[in-house]
Amino acid sequence: MKIAVTYEDGSIFQHFGHTKQFKLYDVQERIVVHTQIIECGDCGHSALAGFLKDLSVNVLICGGIGQGAQDALSGLGIQIYGGVDGNADDAVERLLQGSLEYKQNVKCTNHHEHGEHHRCGSHPCEKH
């Protein structure tokens, strides 16, 4: 299994569509056997689902994520654990132990923190 986490300085980045990095975890028999940090640059919302699929990701752990991105990821068979915060490595360990708390019906709400540089309606999380 391959797990991707939206990533910034050891923590889960809180806006899927604006993440610049993912930390990837290769897992065998519930044990992390390899990790790496992958730069995705300025892929943006629409390209990130395909980017993760090309990396053979099975599971995504992230903070806020809009419905359009959720639909795209689900359509590619990627399981989503959204609304998670804190340390990325800890979240993966909790997932592997079956104790990861996440928001099943997460909505993208973090974009309001971006102020004037980010407008509602400029990406798929238009419905709040």
C-alpha atoms as a PDB file:
ATOM      1  CA  MET A   1       0.000   0.000   0.000  1.00  0.00           C
ATOM      2  CA  LYS A   2       1.182   3.539  -0.681  1.00  0.00           C
ATOM      3  CA  ILE A   3      -0.025   6.424   1.484  1.00  0.00           C
ATOM      4  CA  ALA A   4       0.359  10.099   0.527  1.00  0.00           C
ATOM      5  CA  VAL A   5       0.115  12.942   3.027  1.00  0.00           C
ATOM      6  CA  THR A   6      -0.142  16.623   2.123  1.00  0.00           C
ATOM      7  CA  TYR A   7       3.074  17.845   3.683  1.00  0.00           C
ATOM      8  CA  GLU A   8       4.832  20.928   5.010  1.00  0.00           C
ATOM      9  CA  ASP A   9       7.646  20.977   7.592  1.00  0.00           C
ATOM     10  CA  GLY A  10       6.673  17.649   9.181  1.00  0.00           C
ATOM     11  CA  SER A  11       2.983  18.476   9.444  1.00  0.00           C
ATOM     12  CA  ILE A  12      -0.112  17.764   7.393  1.00  0.00           C
ATOM     13  CA  PHE A  13      -0.641  20.698   5.039  1.00  0.00           C
ATOM     14  CA  GLN A  14      -4.174  21.979   5.484  1.00  0.00           C
ATOM     15  CA  HIS A  15      -5.305  22.761   1.939  1.00  0.00           C
ATOM     16  CA  PHE A  16      -5.094  19.883  -0.531  1.00  0.00           C
ATOM     17  CA  GLY A  17      -5.317  22.038  -3.654  1.00  0.00           C
ATOM     18  CA  HIS A  18      -2.425  24.260  -2.606  1.00  0.00           C
ATOM     19  CA  THR A  19       0.005  21.649  -1.338  1.00  0.00           C
ATOM     20  CA  LYS A  20       3.496  21.831  -2.811  1.00  0.00           C
ATOM     21  CA  GLN A  21       4.694  18.521  -1.350  1.00  0.00           C
ATOM     22  CA  PHE A  22       3.484  15.074  -0.448  1.00  0.00           C
ATOM     23  CA  LYS A  23       5.196  12.694   1.894  1.00  0.00           C
ATOM     24  CA  LEU A  24       4.832   9.164   0.537  1.00  0.00           C
ATOM     25  CA  TYR A  25       4.856   6.086   2.727  1.00  0.00           C
ATOM     26  CA  ASP A  26       5.342   2.603   1.292  1.00  0.00           C
ATOM     27  CA  VAL A  27       3.658   0.138   3.640  1.00  0.00           C
ATOM     28  CA  GLN A  28       3.917  -3.634   3.830  1.00  0.00           C
ATOM     29  CA  GLU A  29       2.021  -5.627   6.446  1.00  0.00           C
ATOM     30  CA  ARG A  30       1.143  -2.445   8.389  1.00  0.00           C
ATOM     31  CA  ILE A  31       4.803  -1.406   8.619  1.00  0.00           C
ATOM     32  CA  VAL A  32       6.275   1.649   6.890  1.00  0.00           C
ATOM     33  CA  VAL A  33       9.201   0.343   4.862  1.00  0.00           C
ATOM     34  CA  HIS A  34      10.130   3.506   2.957  1.00  0.00           C
ATOM     35  CA  THR A  35       9.286   7.214   2.925  1.00  0.00           C
ATOM     36  CA  GLN A  36      10.065  10.035   0.554  1.00  0.00           C
ATOM     37  CA  ILE A  37       9.051  13.626   0.029  1.00  0.00           C
ATOM     38  CA  ILE A  38       7.826  14.449  -3.471  1.00  0.00           C
ATOM     39  CA  GLU A  39       7.545  17.974  -4.844  1.00  0.00           C
ATOM     40  CA  CYS A  40       4.461  18.547  -6.923  1.00  0.00           C
ATOM     41  CA  GLY A  41       5.156  22.188  -7.678  1.00  0.00           C
ATOM     42  CA  ASP A  42       2.152  24.223  -8.707  1.00  0.00           C
ATOM     43  CA  CYS A  43       0.002  21.335  -9.960  1.00  0.00           C
ATOM     44  CA  GLY A  44      -3.224  22.838  -8.646  1.00  0.00           C
ATOM     45  CA  HIS A  45      -6.475  21.153  -7.774  1.00  0.00           C
ATOM     46  CA  SER A  46      -7.283  19.477 -11.054  1.00  0.00           C
ATOM     47  CA  ALA A  47      -3.893  17.884 -11.676  1.00  0.00           C
ATOM     48  CA  LEU A  48      -3.213  16.560  -8.163  1.00  0.00           C
ATOM     49  CA  ALA A  49      -5.526  13.536  -8.427  1.00  0.00           C
ATOM     50  CA  GLY A  50      -3.743  12.324 -11.558  1.00  0.00           C
ATOM     51  CA  PHE A  51      -0.370  13.112  -9.987  1.00  0.00           C
ATOM     52  CA  LEU A  52      -1.193  10.831  -7.030  1.00  0.00           C
ATOM     53  CA  LYS A  53      -2.585   8.102  -9.268  1.00  0.00           C
ATOM     54  CA  ASP A  54       0.616   8.155 -11.347  1.00  0.00           C
ATOM     55  CA  LEU A  55       2.535   7.551  -8.100  1.00  0.00           C
ATOM     56  CA  SER A  56       0.331   4.483  -7.367  1.00  0.00           C
ATOM     57  CA  VAL A  57      -1.109   6.072  -4.214  1.00  0.00           C
ATOM     58  CA  ASN A  58      -3.903   4.089  -2.531  1.00  0.00           C
ATOM     59  CA  VAL A  59      -4.643   6.379   0.432  1.00  0.00           C
ATOM     60  CA  LEU A  60      -4.512  10.159   0.955  1.00  0.00           C
ATOM     61  CA  ILE A  61      -4.335  11.870   4.348  1.00  0.00           C
ATOM     62  CA  CYS A  62      -4.951  15.613   4.196  1.00  0.00           C
ATOM     63  CA  GLY A  63      -6.507  18.633   5.870  1.00  0.00           C
ATOM     64  CA  GLY A  64      -9.197  20.535   3.967  1.00  0.00           C
ATOM     65  CA  ILE A  65     -10.260  19.201   0.585  1.00  0.00           C
ATOM     66  CA  GLY A  66     -13.071  20.301  -1.705  1.00  0.00           C
ATOM     67  CA  GLN A  67     -15.797  18.069  -3.077  1.00  0.00           C
ATOM     68  CA  GLY A  68     -14.452  18.204  -6.637  1.00  0.00           C
ATOM     69  CA  ALA A  69     -11.071  16.899  -5.540  1.00  0.00           C
ATOM     70  CA  GLN A  70     -12.745  14.255  -3.372  1.00  0.00           C
ATOM     71  CA  ASP A  71     -14.792  13.073  -6.345  1.00  0.00           C
ATOM     72  CA  ALA A  72     -11.728  12.965  -8.624  1.00  0.00           C
ATOM     73  CA  LEU A  73      -9.667  10.997  -6.101  1.00  0.00           C
ATOM     74  CA  SER A  74     -12.489   8.591  -5.299  1.00  0.00           C
ATOM     75  CA  GLY A  75     -13.046   8.052  -9.013  1.00  0.00           C
ATOM     76  CA  LEU A  76      -9.413   6.943  -9.271  1.00  0.00           C
ATOM     77  CA  GLY A  77      -9.794   4.517  -6.373  1.00  0.00           C
ATOM     78  CA  ILE A  78      -7.852   6.607  -3.837  1.00  0.00           C
ATOM     79  CA  GLN A  79      -9.256   6.433  -0.305  1.00  0.00           C
ATOM     80  CA  ILE A  80      -9.403   9.826   1.460  1.00  0.00           C
ATOM     81  CA  TYR A  81      -8.870  10.653   5.109  1.00  0.00           C
ATOM     82  CA  GLY A  82      -9.576  14.394   5.215  1.00  0.00           C
ATOM     83  CA  GLY A  83      -9.797  16.954   7.977  1.00  0.00           C
ATOM     84  CA  VAL A  84      -6.688  15.592   9.689  1.00  0.00           C
ATOM     85  CA  ASP A  85      -4.064  17.826  11.277  1.00  0.00           C
ATOM     86  CA  GLY A  86      -0.842  17.453  13.216  1.00  0.00           C
ATOM     87  CA  ASN A  87       2.334  15.516  12.527  1.00  0.00           C
ATOM     88  CA  ALA A  88       2.316  13.540   9.251  1.00  0.00           C
ATOM     89  CA  ASP A  89       4.236  10.528  10.574  1.00  0.00           C
ATOM     90  CA  ASP A  90       1.959  10.272  13.616  1.00  0.00           C
ATOM     91  CA  ALA A  91      -1.144  10.358  11.417  1.00  0.00           C
ATOM     92  CA  VAL A  92       0.173   7.497   9.278  1.00  0.00           C
ATOM     93  CA  GLU A  93       0.950   5.436  12.389  1.00  0.00           C
ATOM     94  CA  ARG A  94      -2.571   6.064  13.714  1.00  0.00           C
ATOM     95  CA  LEU A  95      -4.016   5.013  10.342  1.00  0.00           C
ATOM     96  CA  LEU A  96      -2.020   1.781  10.402  1.00  0.00           C
ATOM     97  CA  GLN A  97      -3.186   1.112  13.977  1.00  0.00           C
ATOM     98  CA  GLY A  98      -6.820   1.782  13.029  1.00  0.00           C
ATOM     99  CA  SER A  99      -7.119   4.820  15.305  1.00  0.00           C
ATOM    100  CA  LEU A 100      -6.852   7.775  12.902  1.00  0.00           C
ATOM    101  CA  GLU A 101      -9.573  10.309  13.608  1.00  0.00           C
ATOM    102  CA  TYR A 102     -10.712  12.134  10.511  1.00  0.00           C
ATOM    103  CA  LYS A 103     -13.753  13.942   9.154  1.00  0.00           C
ATOM    104  CA  GLN A 104     -15.647  11.642   6.830  1.00  0.00           C
ATOM    105  CA  ASN A 105     -17.619  14.526   5.298  1.00  0.00           C
ATOM    106  CA  VAL A 106     -14.797  17.059   5.267  1.00  0.00           C
ATOM    107  CA  LYS A 107     -15.393  20.278   3.361  1.00  0.00           C
ATOM    108  CA  CYS A 108     -12.851  22.764   2.114  1.00  0.00           C
ATOM    109  CA  THR A 109     -13.011  25.609   4.617  1.00  0.00           C
ATOM    110  CA  ASN A 110      -9.358  26.520   4.964  1.00  0.00           C
ATOM    111  CA  HIS A 111      -9.343  28.749   1.909  1.00  0.00           C
ATOM    112  CA  HIS A 112     -10.835  31.599   3.928  1.00  0.00           C
ATOM    113  CA  GLU A 113      -7.501  31.866   5.743  1.00  0.00           C
ATOM    114  CA  HIS A 114      -5.787  32.866   2.502  1.00  0.00           C
ATOM    115  CA  GLY A 115      -7.502  36.271   2.479  1.00  0.00           C
ATOM    116  CA  GLU A 116      -7.508  38.355  -0.640  1.00  0.00           C
ATOM    117  CA  HIS A 117      -5.119  36.049  -2.501  1.00  0.00           C
ATOM    118  CA  HIS A 118      -7.722  33.310  -2.683  1.00  0.00           C
ATOM    119  CA  ARG A 119     -11.343  33.679  -3.649  1.00  0.00           C
ATOM    120  CA  CYS A 120     -14.253  31.393  -3.079  1.00  0.00           C
ATOM    121  CA  GLY A 121     -15.348  30.015  -6.410  1.00  0.00           C
ATOM    122  CA  SER A 122     -11.864  29.850  -7.869  1.00  0.00           C
ATOM    123  CA  HIS A 123     -11.797  26.101  -7.282  1.00  0.00           C
ATOM    124  CA  PRO A 124     -14.221  23.184  -6.746  1.00  0.00           C
ATOM    125  CA  CYS A 125     -15.091  23.919  -3.098  1.00  0.00           C
ATOM    126  CA  GLU A 126     -17.644  26.569  -3.967  1.00  0.00           C
ATOM    127  CA  LYS A 127     -20.335  25.051  -1.725  1.00  0.00           C
ATOM    128  CA  HIS A 128     -19.821  25.654   1.987  1.00  0.00           C
END
